[in-house]
Amino acid sequence: YSLEKCCDPLYSSDPVSMVDAIPALINTI
C-alpha cells in the first residue's frame, strides 16, 4: 500500500513526467 502512491504516476503520466516519480518509487521499494 505504501508503494501505491508512488506508482500512480506510472499509470497516469506521460513517460517524461514518470521520471520524476522514479526516485520515490525506488526508495519505497
PDB file of all heavy atoms in Angstrom:
ATOM      1  N   TYR A   1       0.832  -1.202   0.000  1.00  0.00           N
ATOM      2  CA  TYR A   1       0.000   0.000   0.000  1.00  0.00           C
ATOM      3  C   TYR A   1       0.867   1.252   0.000  1.00  0.00           C
ATOM      4  O   TYR A   1       0.509   2.264  -0.608  1.00  0.00           O
ATOM      5  CB  TYR A   1      -0.946   0.029   1.204  1.00  0.00           C
ATOM      6  CG  TYR A   1      -2.338  -0.437   0.885  1.00  0.00           C
ATOM      7  CD1 TYR A   1      -2.928  -1.451   1.621  1.00  0.00           C
ATOM      8  CD2 TYR A   1      -3.087   0.136  -0.140  1.00  0.00           C
ATOM      9  CE1 TYR A   1      -4.207  -1.893   1.338  1.00  0.00           C
ATOM     10  CE2 TYR A   1      -4.368  -0.296  -0.430  1.00  0.00           C
ATOM     11  CZ  TYR A   1      -4.920  -1.307   0.312  1.00  0.00           C
ATOM     12  OH  TYR A   1      -6.185  -1.738   0.029  1.00  0.00           O
ATOM     13  N   SER A   2       2.001   1.208   0.665  1.00  0.00           N
ATOM     14  CA  SER A   2       2.894   2.373   0.676  1.00  0.00           C
ATOM     15  C   SER A   2       3.454   2.643  -0.718  1.00  0.00           C
ATOM     16  O   SER A   2       3.802   3.773  -1.049  1.00  0.00           O
ATOM     17  CB  SER A   2       4.024   2.177   1.683  1.00  0.00           C
ATOM     18  OG  SER A   2       4.884   1.130   1.277  1.00  0.00           O
ATOM     19  N   LEU A   3       3.508   1.617  -1.531  1.00  0.00           N
ATOM     20  CA  LEU A   3       4.019   1.744  -2.892  1.00  0.00           C
ATOM     21  C   LEU A   3       2.968   2.329  -3.845  1.00  0.00           C
ATOM     22  O   LEU A   3       3.310   2.932  -4.858  1.00  0.00           O
ATOM     23  CB  LEU A   3       4.449   0.357  -3.384  1.00  0.00           C
ATOM     24  CG  LEU A   3       5.198   0.249  -4.680  1.00  0.00           C
ATOM     25  CD1 LEU A   3       6.569   0.883  -4.521  1.00  0.00           C
ATOM     26  CD2 LEU A   3       5.346  -1.207  -5.064  1.00  0.00           C
ATOM     27  N   GLU A   4       1.705   2.179  -3.493  1.00  0.00           N
ATOM     28  CA  GLU A   4       0.618   2.575  -4.389  1.00  0.00           C
ATOM     29  C   GLU A   4       0.698   4.048  -4.791  1.00  0.00           C
ATOM     30  O   GLU A   4       0.553   4.394  -5.965  1.00  0.00           O
ATOM     31  CB  GLU A   4      -0.720   2.271  -3.720  1.00  0.00           C
ATOM     32  CG  GLU A   4      -1.902   2.439  -4.640  1.00  0.00           C
ATOM     33  CD  GLU A   4      -3.189   1.993  -3.987  1.00  0.00           C
ATOM     34  OE1 GLU A   4      -3.397   2.300  -2.794  1.00  0.00           O
ATOM     35  OE2 GLU A   4      -3.978   1.359  -4.670  1.00  0.00           O
ATOM     36  N   LYS A   5       0.953   4.930  -3.846  1.00  0.00           N
ATOM     37  CA  LYS A   5       1.028   6.367  -4.123  1.00  0.00           C
ATOM     38  C   LYS A   5       2.156   6.678  -5.105  1.00  0.00           C
ATOM     39  O   LYS A   5       2.003   7.505  -5.999  1.00  0.00           O
ATOM     40  CB  LYS A   5       1.214   7.133  -2.819  1.00  0.00           C
ATOM     41  CG  LYS A   5       1.276   8.621  -2.964  1.00  0.00           C
ATOM     42  CD  LYS A   5       1.459   9.282  -1.604  1.00  0.00           C
ATOM     43  CE  LYS A   5       1.844  10.725  -1.750  1.00  0.00           C
ATOM     44  NZ  LYS A   5       2.157  11.350  -0.475  1.00  0.00           N
ATOM     45  N   CYS A   6       3.265   5.991  -4.943  1.00  0.00           N
ATOM     46  CA  CYS A   6       4.418   6.223  -5.817  1.00  0.00           C
ATOM     47  C   CYS A   6       4.179   5.700  -7.228  1.00  0.00           C
ATOM     48  O   CYS A   6       4.813   6.164  -8.177  1.00  0.00           O
ATOM     49  CB  CYS A   6       5.664   5.540  -5.255  1.00  0.00           C
ATOM     50  SG  CYS A   6       6.135   6.088  -3.630  1.00  0.00           S
ATOM     51  N   CYS A   7       3.297   4.714  -7.354  1.00  0.00           N
ATOM     52  CA  CYS A   7       3.047   4.090  -8.654  1.00  0.00           C
ATOM     53  C   CYS A   7       2.014   4.834  -9.481  1.00  0.00           C
ATOM     54  O   CYS A   7       1.925   4.609 -10.698  1.00  0.00           O
ATOM     55  CB  CYS A   7       2.583   2.650  -8.469  1.00  0.00           C
ATOM     56  SG  CYS A   7       3.887   1.579  -7.894  1.00  0.00           S
ATOM     57  N   ASP A   8       1.229   5.691  -8.865  1.00  0.00           N
ATOM     58  CA  ASP A   8       0.188   6.407  -9.606  1.00  0.00           C
ATOM     59  C   ASP A   8       0.721   7.120 -10.854  1.00  0.00           C
ATOM     60  O   ASP A   8       0.091   7.036 -11.913  1.00  0.00           O
ATOM     61  CB  ASP A   8      -0.549   7.394  -8.696  1.00  0.00           C
ATOM     62  CG  ASP A   8      -1.521   6.703  -7.757  1.00  0.00           C
ATOM     63  OD1 ASP A   8      -1.875   5.528  -8.016  1.00  0.00           O
ATOM     64  OD2 ASP A   8      -1.923   7.323  -6.754  1.00  0.00           O
ATOM     65  N   PRO A   9       1.875   7.807 -10.779  1.00  0.00           N
ATOM     66  CA  PRO A   9       2.391   8.452 -11.998  1.00  0.00           C
ATOM     67  C   PRO A   9       2.703   7.467 -13.134  1.00  0.00           C
ATOM     68  O   PRO A   9       2.637   7.843 -14.305  1.00  0.00           O
ATOM     69  CB  PRO A   9       3.677   9.146 -11.531  1.00  0.00           C
ATOM     70  CG  PRO A   9       3.470   9.355 -10.076  1.00  0.00           C
ATOM     71  CD  PRO A   9       2.661   8.186  -9.607  1.00  0.00           C
ATOM     72  N   LEU A  10       3.007   6.221 -12.807  1.00  0.00           N
ATOM     73  CA  LEU A  10       3.283   5.237 -13.856  1.00  0.00           C
ATOM     74  C   LEU A  10       2.033   4.941 -14.675  1.00  0.00           C
ATOM     75  O   LEU A  10       2.117   4.581 -15.849  1.00  0.00           O
ATOM     76  CB  LEU A  10       3.810   3.935 -13.247  1.00  0.00           C
ATOM     77  CG  LEU A  10       5.101   4.013 -12.454  1.00  0.00           C
ATOM     78  CD1 LEU A  10       5.469   2.640 -11.912  1.00  0.00           C
ATOM     79  CD2 LEU A  10       6.228   4.561 -13.306  1.00  0.00           C
ATOM     80  N   TYR A  11       0.890   5.079 -14.050  1.00  0.00           N
ATOM     81  CA  TYR A  11      -0.376   4.792 -14.724  1.00  0.00           C
ATOM     82  C   TYR A  11      -1.019   6.032 -15.343  1.00  0.00           C
ATOM     83  O   TYR A  11      -1.805   5.918 -16.272  1.00  0.00           O
ATOM     84  CB  TYR A  11      -1.367   4.169 -13.729  1.00  0.00           C
ATOM     85  CG  TYR A  11      -0.987   2.774 -13.311  1.00  0.00           C
ATOM     86  CD1 TYR A  11      -0.286   2.560 -12.134  1.00  0.00           C
ATOM     87  CD2 TYR A  11      -1.323   1.681 -14.082  1.00  0.00           C
ATOM     88  CE1 TYR A  11       0.060   1.272 -11.740  1.00  0.00           C
ATOM     89  CE2 TYR A  11      -0.980   0.397 -13.704  1.00  0.00           C
ATOM     90  CZ  TYR A  11      -0.285   0.199 -12.526  1.00  0.00           C
ATOM     91  OH  TYR A  11       0.067  -1.068 -12.139  1.00  0.00           O
ATOM     92  N   SER A  12      -0.697   7.215 -14.808  1.00  0.00           N
ATOM     93  CA  SER A  12      -1.433   8.409 -15.233  1.00  0.00           C
ATOM     94  C   SER A  12      -0.588   9.484 -15.906  1.00  0.00           C
ATOM     95  O   SER A  12      -1.131  10.482 -16.356  1.00  0.00           O
ATOM     96  CB  SER A  12      -2.140   9.022 -14.017  1.00  0.00           C
ATOM     97  OG  SER A  12      -1.197   9.410 -13.048  1.00  0.00           O
ATOM     98  N   SER A  13       0.715   9.289 -15.993  1.00  0.00           N
ATOM     99  CA  SER A  13       1.584  10.329 -16.545  1.00  0.00           C
ATOM    100  C   SER A  13       2.175   9.903 -17.881  1.00  0.00           C
ATOM    101  O   SER A  13       2.184   8.731 -18.235  1.00  0.00           O
ATOM    102  CB  SER A  13       2.738  10.634 -15.587  1.00  0.00           C
ATOM    103  OG  SER A  13       2.258  11.074 -14.354  1.00  0.00           O
ATOM    104  N   ASP A  14       2.724  10.875 -18.553  1.00  0.00           N
ATOM    105  CA  ASP A  14       3.470  10.582 -19.772  1.00  0.00           C
ATOM    106  C   ASP A  14       4.885  10.137 -19.377  1.00  0.00           C
ATOM    107  O   ASP A  14       5.306  10.346 -18.230  1.00  0.00           O
ATOM    108  CB  ASP A  14       3.510  11.809 -20.681  1.00  0.00           C
ATOM    109  CG  ASP A  14       4.179  12.992 -20.003  1.00  0.00           C
ATOM    110  OD1 ASP A  14       3.468  13.740 -19.284  1.00  0.00           O
ATOM    111  OD2 ASP A  14       5.404  13.156 -20.173  1.00  0.00           O
ATOM    112  N   PRO A  15       5.619   9.507 -20.283  1.00  0.00           N
ATOM    113  CA  PRO A  15       6.957   8.984 -19.920  1.00  0.00           C
ATOM    114  C   PRO A  15       7.904  10.034 -19.352  1.00  0.00           C
ATOM    115  O   PRO A  15       8.692   9.740 -18.456  1.00  0.00           O
ATOM    116  CB  PRO A  15       7.481   8.421 -21.244  1.00  0.00           C
ATOM    117  CG  PRO A  15       6.249   8.040 -21.992  1.00  0.00           C
ATOM    118  CD  PRO A  15       5.224   9.083 -21.617  1.00  0.00           C
ATOM    119  N   VAL A  16       7.846  11.266 -19.822  1.00  0.00           N
ATOM    120  CA  VAL A  16       8.739  12.309 -19.309  1.00  0.00           C
ATOM    121  C   VAL A  16       8.399  12.628 -17.855  1.00  0.00           C
ATOM    122  O   VAL A  16       9.290  12.766 -17.008  1.00  0.00           O
ATOM    123  CB  VAL A  16       8.660  13.578 -20.198  1.00  0.00           C
ATOM    124  CG1 VAL A  16       9.466  14.717 -19.598  1.00  0.00           C
ATOM    125  CG2 VAL A  16       9.135  13.272 -21.609  1.00  0.00           C
ATOM    126  N   SER A  17       7.123  12.713 -17.537  1.00  0.00           N
ATOM    127  CA  SER A  17       6.703  13.021 -16.165  1.00  0.00           C
ATOM    128  C   SER A  17       6.972  11.864 -15.208  1.00  0.00           C
ATOM    129  O   SER A  17       7.154  12.069 -14.014  1.00  0.00           O
ATOM    130  CB  SER A  17       5.217  13.365 -16.121  1.00  0.00           C
ATOM    131  OG  SER A  17       4.945  14.459 -16.938  1.00  0.00           O
ATOM    132  N   MET A  18       6.974  10.663 -15.746  1.00  0.00           N
ATOM    133  CA  MET A  18       7.232   9.480 -14.908  1.00  0.00           C
ATOM    134  C   MET A  18       8.611   9.524 -14.273  1.00  0.00           C
ATOM    135  O   MET A  18       8.803   9.020 -13.175  1.00  0.00           O
ATOM    136  CB  MET A  18       7.127   8.198 -15.737  1.00  0.00           C
ATOM    137  CG  MET A  18       5.759   7.776 -16.065  1.00  0.00           C
ATOM    138  SD  MET A  18       5.859   6.236 -16.996  1.00  0.00           S
ATOM    139  CE  MET A  18       4.291   6.263 -17.792  1.00  0.00           C
ATOM    140  N   VAL A  19       9.557  10.122 -14.954  1.00  0.00           N
ATOM    141  CA  VAL A  19      10.937  10.165 -14.476  1.00  0.00           C
ATOM    142  C   VAL A  19      11.018  10.790 -13.086  1.00  0.00           C
ATOM    143  O   VAL A  19      11.791  10.333 -12.238  1.00  0.00           O
ATOM    144  CB  VAL A  19      11.840  10.908 -15.483  1.00  0.00           C
ATOM    145  CG1 VAL A  19      13.244  11.119 -14.931  1.00  0.00           C
ATOM    146  CG2 VAL A  19      11.885  10.150 -16.799  1.00  0.00           C
ATOM    147  N   ASP A  20      10.196  11.788 -12.824  1.00  0.00           N
ATOM    148  CA  ASP A  20      10.220  12.457 -11.520  1.00  0.00           C
ATOM    149  C   ASP A  20       9.762  11.532 -10.391  1.00  0.00           C
ATOM    150  O   ASP A  20      10.138  11.735  -9.235  1.00  0.00           O
ATOM    151  CB  ASP A  20       9.327  13.705 -11.542  1.00  0.00           C
ATOM    152  CG  ASP A  20       9.840  14.770 -12.500  1.00  0.00           C
ATOM    153  OD1 ASP A  20      11.067  14.774 -12.771  1.00  0.00           O
ATOM    154  OD2 ASP A  20       9.026  15.587 -12.970  1.00  0.00           O
ATOM    155  N   ALA A  21       8.958  10.537 -10.718  1.00  0.00           N
ATOM    156  CA  ALA A  21       8.423   9.632  -9.697  1.00  0.00           C
ATOM    157  C   ALA A  21       9.382   8.480  -9.377  1.00  0.00           C
ATOM    158  O   ALA A  21       9.220   7.812  -8.354  1.00  0.00           O
ATOM    159  CB  ALA A  21       7.086   9.062 -10.155  1.00  0.00           C
ATOM    160  N   ILE A  22      10.371   8.262 -10.205  1.00  0.00           N
ATOM    161  CA  ILE A  22      11.258   7.102 -10.044  1.00  0.00           C
ATOM    162  C   ILE A  22      12.030   7.103  -8.725  1.00  0.00           C
ATOM    163  O   ILE A  22      12.081   6.083  -8.040  1.00  0.00           O
ATOM    164  CB  ILE A  22      12.221   6.961 -11.256  1.00  0.00           C
ATOM    165  CG1 ILE A  22      11.418   6.771 -12.554  1.00  0.00           C
ATOM    166  CG2 ILE A  22      13.228   5.844 -11.058  1.00  0.00           C
ATOM    167  CD1 ILE A  22      10.604   5.511 -12.612  1.00  0.00           C
ATOM    168  N   PRO A  23      12.647   8.205  -8.296  1.00  0.00           N
ATOM    169  CA  PRO A  23      13.386   8.158  -7.020  1.00  0.00           C
ATOM    170  C   PRO A  23      12.526   7.758  -5.823  1.00  0.00           C
ATOM    171  O   PRO A  23      12.940   6.934  -5.002  1.00  0.00           O
ATOM    172  CB  PRO A  23      13.932   9.584  -6.866  1.00  0.00           C
ATOM    173  CG  PRO A  23      14.014  10.119  -8.248  1.00  0.00           C
ATOM    174  CD  PRO A  23      12.843   9.497  -8.978  1.00  0.00           C
ATOM    175  N   ALA A  24      11.322   8.313  -5.718  1.00  0.00           N
ATOM    176  CA  ALA A  24      10.442   7.949  -4.607  1.00  0.00           C
ATOM    177  C   ALA A  24      10.039   6.484  -4.705  1.00  0.00           C
ATOM    178  O   ALA A  24       9.960   5.780  -3.687  1.00  0.00           O
ATOM    179  CB  ALA A  24       9.202   8.837  -4.603  1.00  0.00           C
ATOM    180  N   LEU A  25       9.808   6.015  -5.902  1.00  0.00           N
ATOM    181  CA  LEU A  25       9.439   4.624  -6.122  1.00  0.00           C
ATOM    182  C   LEU A  25      10.566   3.684  -5.701  1.00  0.00           C
ATOM    183  O   LEU A  25      10.341   2.713  -4.971  1.00  0.00           O
ATOM    184  CB  LEU A  25       9.098   4.425  -7.599  1.00  0.00           C
ATOM    185  CG  LEU A  25       8.591   3.078  -8.038  1.00  0.00           C
ATOM    186  CD1 LEU A  25       7.265   2.756  -7.372  1.00  0.00           C
ATOM    187  CD2 LEU A  25       8.426   3.065  -9.550  1.00  0.00           C
ATOM    188  N   ILE A  26      11.774   3.996  -6.105  1.00  0.00           N
ATOM    189  CA  ILE A  26      12.936   3.177  -5.738  1.00  0.00           C
ATOM    190  C   ILE A  26      13.150   3.199  -4.224  1.00  0.00           C
ATOM    191  O   ILE A  26      13.427   2.163  -3.615  1.00  0.00           O
ATOM    192  CB  ILE A  26      14.215   3.653  -6.477  1.00  0.00           C
ATOM    193  CG1 ILE A  26      14.049   3.557  -7.996  1.00  0.00           C
ATOM    194  CG2 ILE A  26      15.442   2.878  -6.008  1.00  0.00           C
ATOM    195  CD1 ILE A  26      13.841   2.168  -8.534  1.00  0.00           C
ATOM    196  N   ASN A  27      13.026   4.354  -3.613  1.00  0.00           N
ATOM    197  CA  ASN A  27      13.195   4.453  -2.156  1.00  0.00           C
ATOM    198  C   ASN A  27      12.134   3.650  -1.415  1.00  0.00           C
ATOM    199  O   ASN A  27      12.419   3.029  -0.385  1.00  0.00           O
ATOM    200  CB  ASN A  27      13.174   5.911  -1.701  1.00  0.00           C
ATOM    201  CG  ASN A  27      14.468   6.618  -2.001  1.00  0.00           C
ATOM    202  OD1 ASN A  27      15.520   5.989  -2.110  1.00  0.00           O
ATOM    203  ND2 ASN A  27      14.401   7.927  -2.160  1.00  0.00           N
ATOM    204  N   THR A  28      10.914   3.653  -1.915  1.00  0.00           N
ATOM    205  CA  THR A  28       9.845   2.886  -1.273  1.00  0.00           C
ATOM    206  C   THR A  28      10.116   1.387  -1.394  1.00  0.00           C
ATOM    207  O   THR A  28       9.940   0.642  -0.422  1.00  0.00           O
ATOM    208  CB  THR A  28       8.475   3.249  -1.884  1.00  0.00           C
ATOM    209  OG1 THR A  28       8.272   4.656  -1.742  1.00  0.00           O
ATOM    210  CG2 THR A  28       7.357   2.499  -1.192  1.00  0.00           C
ATOM    211  N   ILE A  29      10.560   0.956  -2.560  1.00  0.00           N
ATOM    212  CA  ILE A  29      10.903  -0.467  -2.732  1.00  0.00           C
ATOM    213  C   ILE A  29      12.076  -0.844  -1.829  1.00  0.00           C
ATOM    214  O   ILE A  29      12.081  -1.911  -1.209  1.00  0.00           O
ATOM    215  CB  ILE A  29      11.202  -0.792  -4.211  1.00  0.00           C
ATOM    216  CG1 ILE A  29       9.920  -0.637  -5.037  1.00  0.00           C
ATOM    217  CG2 ILE A  29      11.771  -2.202  -4.355  1.00  0.00           C
ATOM    218  CD1 ILE A  29      10.116  -0.757  -6.539  1.00  0.00           C
TER     219      ILE A  29
END
